[in-house]
């Protein structure tokens, strides 16, 4: 009987972890949309190849330094624009 309880607990923890990661992703997307402003904040998945690359570049270039200034320690984050 104890194995069944353990398996149920593990499944619950996995599911809880998945839901937590989905909420974190939604929060990150929301924050990014706020920072980008219009018209990008209203785009959905069907919008690709943003016409104003420089605006996106400003948000992502030197991102680790920007995050440190906000008190966030980035680990292995590096965005490069070519």
N, C-alpha and C. Protein backbone atom coordinates (compact mmCIF):
# COMPACT_ATOMS: atom_id res chain seq x y z
N UNK A 1 0.82 -1.20 0.00
CA UNK A 1 0.00 0.00 0.00
C UNK A 1 0.86 1.25 0.00
N UNK A 2 2.02 1.18 0.67
CA UNK A 2 2.87 2.36 0.75
C UNK A 2 3.41 2.74 -0.62
N UNK A 3 3.70 1.77 -1.49
CA UNK A 3 4.19 2.07 -2.83
C UNK A 3 3.15 2.86 -3.62
N UNK A 4 1.91 2.51 -3.50
CA UNK A 4 0.86 3.22 -4.22
C UNK A 4 0.78 4.67 -3.74
N UNK A 5 0.93 4.90 -2.44
CA UNK A 5 0.92 6.26 -1.93
C UNK A 5 2.12 7.05 -2.43
N UNK A 6 3.28 6.41 -2.48
CA UNK A 6 4.49 7.07 -2.96
C UNK A 6 4.34 7.44 -4.43
N UNK A 7 3.84 6.53 -5.23
CA UNK A 7 3.65 6.80 -6.65
C UNK A 7 2.66 7.94 -6.84
N UNK A 8 1.61 7.95 -6.07
CA UNK A 8 0.64 9.04 -6.16
C UNK A 8 1.24 10.37 -5.78
N UNK A 9 2.08 10.37 -4.75
CA UNK A 9 2.74 11.60 -4.31
C UNK A 9 3.70 12.09 -5.37
N UNK A 10 4.46 11.18 -5.97
CA UNK A 10 5.41 11.56 -7.03
C UNK A 10 4.67 12.15 -8.22
N UNK A 11 3.57 11.53 -8.62
CA UNK A 11 2.78 12.06 -9.73
C UNK A 11 2.25 13.45 -9.41
N UNK A 12 1.80 13.62 -8.18
CA UNK A 12 1.29 14.92 -7.75
C UNK A 12 2.41 15.97 -7.81
N UNK A 13 3.59 15.63 -7.32
CA UNK A 13 4.71 16.56 -7.32
C UNK A 13 5.15 16.91 -8.74
N UNK A 14 5.14 15.94 -9.62
CA UNK A 14 5.49 16.19 -11.02
C UNK A 14 4.48 17.14 -11.64
N UNK A 15 3.23 16.86 -11.42
CA UNK A 15 2.16 17.70 -11.98
C UNK A 15 2.23 19.12 -11.41
N UNK A 16 2.47 19.21 -10.11
CA UNK A 16 2.59 20.51 -9.45
C UNK A 16 3.78 21.29 -10.05
N UNK A 17 4.88 20.60 -10.29
CA UNK A 17 6.05 21.22 -10.90
C UNK A 17 5.76 21.73 -12.31
N UNK A 18 5.02 20.95 -13.08
CA UNK A 18 4.65 21.37 -14.44
C UNK A 18 3.79 22.62 -14.41
N UNK A 19 2.83 22.66 -13.51
CA UNK A 19 1.96 23.83 -13.41
C UNK A 19 2.75 25.06 -12.95
N UNK A 20 3.69 24.85 -12.04
CA UNK A 20 4.50 25.95 -11.56
C UNK A 20 5.34 26.53 -12.69
N UNK A 21 5.95 25.66 -13.50
CA UNK A 21 6.76 26.13 -14.62
C UNK A 21 5.92 26.87 -15.65
N UNK A 22 4.69 26.42 -15.86
CA UNK A 22 3.81 27.11 -16.81
C UNK A 22 3.48 28.52 -16.29
N UNK A 23 3.26 28.66 -15.00
CA UNK A 23 2.98 29.99 -14.43
C UNK A 23 4.20 30.89 -14.51
N UNK A 24 5.38 30.34 -14.29
CA UNK A 24 6.61 31.13 -14.40
C UNK A 24 6.79 31.61 -15.84
N UNK A 25 6.53 30.73 -16.79
CA UNK A 25 6.64 31.12 -18.20
C UNK A 25 5.65 32.22 -18.56
N UNK A 26 4.42 32.11 -18.08
CA UNK A 26 3.43 33.14 -18.35
C UNK A 26 3.84 34.47 -17.74
N UNK A 27 4.40 34.45 -16.54
CA UNK A 27 4.84 35.68 -15.90
C UNK A 27 5.99 36.32 -16.67
N UNK A 28 6.91 35.50 -17.16
CA UNK A 28 8.04 36.02 -17.93
C UNK A 28 7.57 36.65 -19.24
N UNK A 29 6.64 36.00 -19.91
CA UNK A 29 6.10 36.54 -21.16
C UNK A 29 5.36 37.84 -20.91
N UNK A 30 4.60 37.89 -19.83
CA UNK A 30 3.86 39.11 -19.49
C UNK A 30 4.83 40.27 -19.23
N UNK A 31 5.88 39.99 -18.48
CA UNK A 31 6.86 41.03 -18.18
C UNK A 31 7.57 41.49 -19.45
N UNK A 32 7.92 40.56 -20.33
CA UNK A 32 8.58 40.93 -21.57
C UNK A 32 7.66 41.79 -22.44
N UNK A 33 6.39 41.44 -22.52
CA UNK A 33 5.45 42.23 -23.32
C UNK A 33 5.30 43.64 -22.77
N UNK A 34 5.31 43.79 -21.45
CA UNK A 34 5.23 45.12 -20.86
C UNK A 34 6.44 45.95 -21.23
N UNK A 35 7.60 45.34 -21.23
CA UNK A 35 8.83 46.07 -21.53
C UNK A 35 8.93 46.44 -23.01
N UNK A 36 8.41 45.59 -23.88
CA UNK A 36 8.52 45.86 -25.31
C UNK A 36 7.58 46.96 -25.77
N UNK A 37 6.43 47.05 -25.16
CA UNK A 37 5.46 48.08 -25.55
C UNK A 37 4.75 47.76 -26.85
N UNK A 38 4.01 48.74 -27.34
CA UNK A 38 3.23 48.56 -28.57
C UNK A 38 4.14 48.61 -29.79
N UNK A 39 3.86 47.95 -30.86
CA UNK A 39 2.76 47.02 -31.10
C UNK A 39 3.09 45.61 -30.66
N UNK A 40 4.32 45.38 -30.20
CA UNK A 40 4.77 44.02 -29.89
C UNK A 40 4.00 43.37 -28.76
N UNK A 41 3.53 44.16 -27.80
CA UNK A 41 2.86 43.59 -26.64
C UNK A 41 1.56 42.90 -27.00
N UNK A 42 1.00 43.19 -28.17
CA UNK A 42 -0.26 42.57 -28.58
C UNK A 42 -0.08 41.43 -29.57
N UNK A 43 1.14 41.14 -29.93
CA UNK A 43 1.38 40.08 -30.91
C UNK A 43 1.12 38.70 -30.33
N UNK A 44 0.71 37.79 -31.19
CA UNK A 44 0.54 36.40 -30.78
C UNK A 44 1.56 35.55 -31.54
N UNK A 45 1.43 34.25 -31.45
CA UNK A 45 2.42 33.35 -32.04
C UNK A 45 2.51 33.45 -33.56
N UNK A 46 1.53 34.01 -34.21
CA UNK A 46 1.57 34.08 -35.67
C UNK A 46 2.48 35.20 -36.17
N UNK A 47 2.99 36.06 -35.30
CA UNK A 47 3.89 37.15 -35.69
C UNK A 47 5.34 36.72 -35.53
N UNK A 48 6.06 36.68 -36.64
CA UNK A 48 7.48 36.32 -36.61
C UNK A 48 8.27 37.38 -37.34
N UNK A 49 9.59 37.34 -37.21
CA UNK A 49 10.49 38.28 -37.87
C UNK A 49 10.07 39.72 -37.61
N UNK A 50 10.21 40.13 -36.39
CA UNK A 50 9.81 41.48 -35.98
C UNK A 50 10.46 42.53 -36.87
N UNK A 51 9.69 43.51 -37.33
CA UNK A 51 10.23 44.51 -38.24
C UNK A 51 11.20 45.47 -37.56
N UNK A 52 11.13 45.61 -36.26
CA UNK A 52 11.99 46.55 -35.54
C UNK A 52 12.98 45.79 -34.66
N UNK A 53 13.96 45.17 -35.33
CA UNK A 53 14.94 44.35 -34.61
C UNK A 53 15.68 45.14 -33.55
N UNK A 54 15.95 46.41 -33.81
CA UNK A 54 16.73 47.20 -32.87
C UNK A 54 16.03 47.34 -31.53
N UNK A 55 14.73 47.40 -31.55
CA UNK A 55 13.98 47.50 -30.30
C UNK A 55 14.11 46.22 -29.47
N UNK A 56 14.06 45.09 -30.15
CA UNK A 56 14.26 43.82 -29.46
C UNK A 56 15.71 43.69 -29.00
N UNK A 57 16.63 44.13 -29.83
CA UNK A 57 18.05 44.05 -29.50
C UNK A 57 18.33 44.80 -28.19
N UNK A 58 17.71 45.96 -28.01
CA UNK A 58 17.91 46.73 -26.79
C UNK A 58 17.51 45.94 -25.55
N UNK A 59 16.50 45.10 -25.68
CA UNK A 59 16.02 44.33 -24.53
C UNK A 59 16.94 43.16 -24.19
N UNK A 60 17.57 42.56 -25.21
CA UNK A 60 18.29 41.31 -24.99
C UNK A 60 19.80 41.44 -24.97
N UNK A 61 20.36 42.43 -25.65
CA UNK A 61 21.81 42.57 -25.62
C UNK A 61 22.26 42.93 -24.22
N UNK A 62 23.35 42.34 -23.80
CA UNK A 62 23.89 42.56 -22.45
C UNK A 62 22.87 42.21 -21.38
N UNK A 63 22.02 41.24 -21.66
CA UNK A 63 20.97 40.86 -20.71
C UNK A 63 21.53 40.43 -19.35
N UNK A 64 22.62 39.65 -19.30
CA UNK A 64 23.13 39.28 -17.97
C UNK A 64 23.47 40.51 -17.11
N UNK A 65 24.07 41.53 -17.71
CA UNK A 65 24.39 42.74 -16.95
C UNK A 65 23.13 43.47 -16.50
N UNK A 66 22.14 43.52 -17.37
CA UNK A 66 20.88 44.17 -17.03
C UNK A 66 20.19 43.44 -15.87
N UNK A 67 20.23 42.12 -15.92
CA UNK A 67 19.62 41.33 -14.84
C UNK A 67 20.35 41.55 -13.52
N UNK A 68 21.69 41.60 -13.56
CA UNK A 68 22.45 41.85 -12.34
C UNK A 68 22.07 43.20 -11.73
N UNK A 69 21.85 44.21 -12.57
CA UNK A 69 21.46 45.52 -12.08
C UNK A 69 20.11 45.47 -11.36
N UNK A 70 19.28 44.50 -11.75
CA UNK A 70 17.97 44.33 -11.10
C UNK A 70 18.05 43.36 -9.92
N UNK A 71 19.26 42.90 -9.60
CA UNK A 71 19.43 41.99 -8.47
C UNK A 71 19.18 40.54 -8.80
N UNK A 72 19.22 40.18 -10.08
CA UNK A 72 19.01 38.80 -10.51
C UNK A 72 20.34 38.26 -11.02
N UNK A 73 20.77 37.11 -10.50
CA UNK A 73 22.02 36.53 -10.94
C UNK A 73 21.76 35.55 -12.08
N UNK A 74 22.11 35.93 -13.29
CA UNK A 74 21.88 35.05 -14.44
C UNK A 74 22.90 33.91 -14.46
N UNK A 75 22.44 32.76 -14.89
CA UNK A 75 23.35 31.63 -15.04
C UNK A 75 23.24 31.12 -16.45
N UNK A 76 24.32 31.23 -17.17
CA UNK A 76 24.43 30.73 -18.54
C UNK A 76 23.38 31.34 -19.47
N UNK A 77 23.16 32.62 -19.35
CA UNK A 77 22.27 33.33 -20.25
C UNK A 77 23.12 34.21 -21.15
N UNK A 78 22.96 34.06 -22.44
CA UNK A 78 23.71 34.90 -23.35
C UNK A 78 22.97 34.97 -24.67
N UNK A 79 22.47 36.15 -25.02
CA UNK A 79 21.77 36.36 -26.27
C UNK A 79 22.70 37.13 -27.20
N UNK A 80 22.83 36.67 -28.42
CA UNK A 80 23.68 37.34 -29.40
C UNK A 80 22.89 37.63 -30.64
N UNK A 81 23.08 38.83 -31.15
CA UNK A 81 22.42 39.24 -32.38
C UNK A 81 23.47 39.37 -33.46
N UNK A 82 23.20 38.81 -34.61
CA UNK A 82 24.17 38.86 -35.71
C UNK A 82 23.61 39.60 -36.88
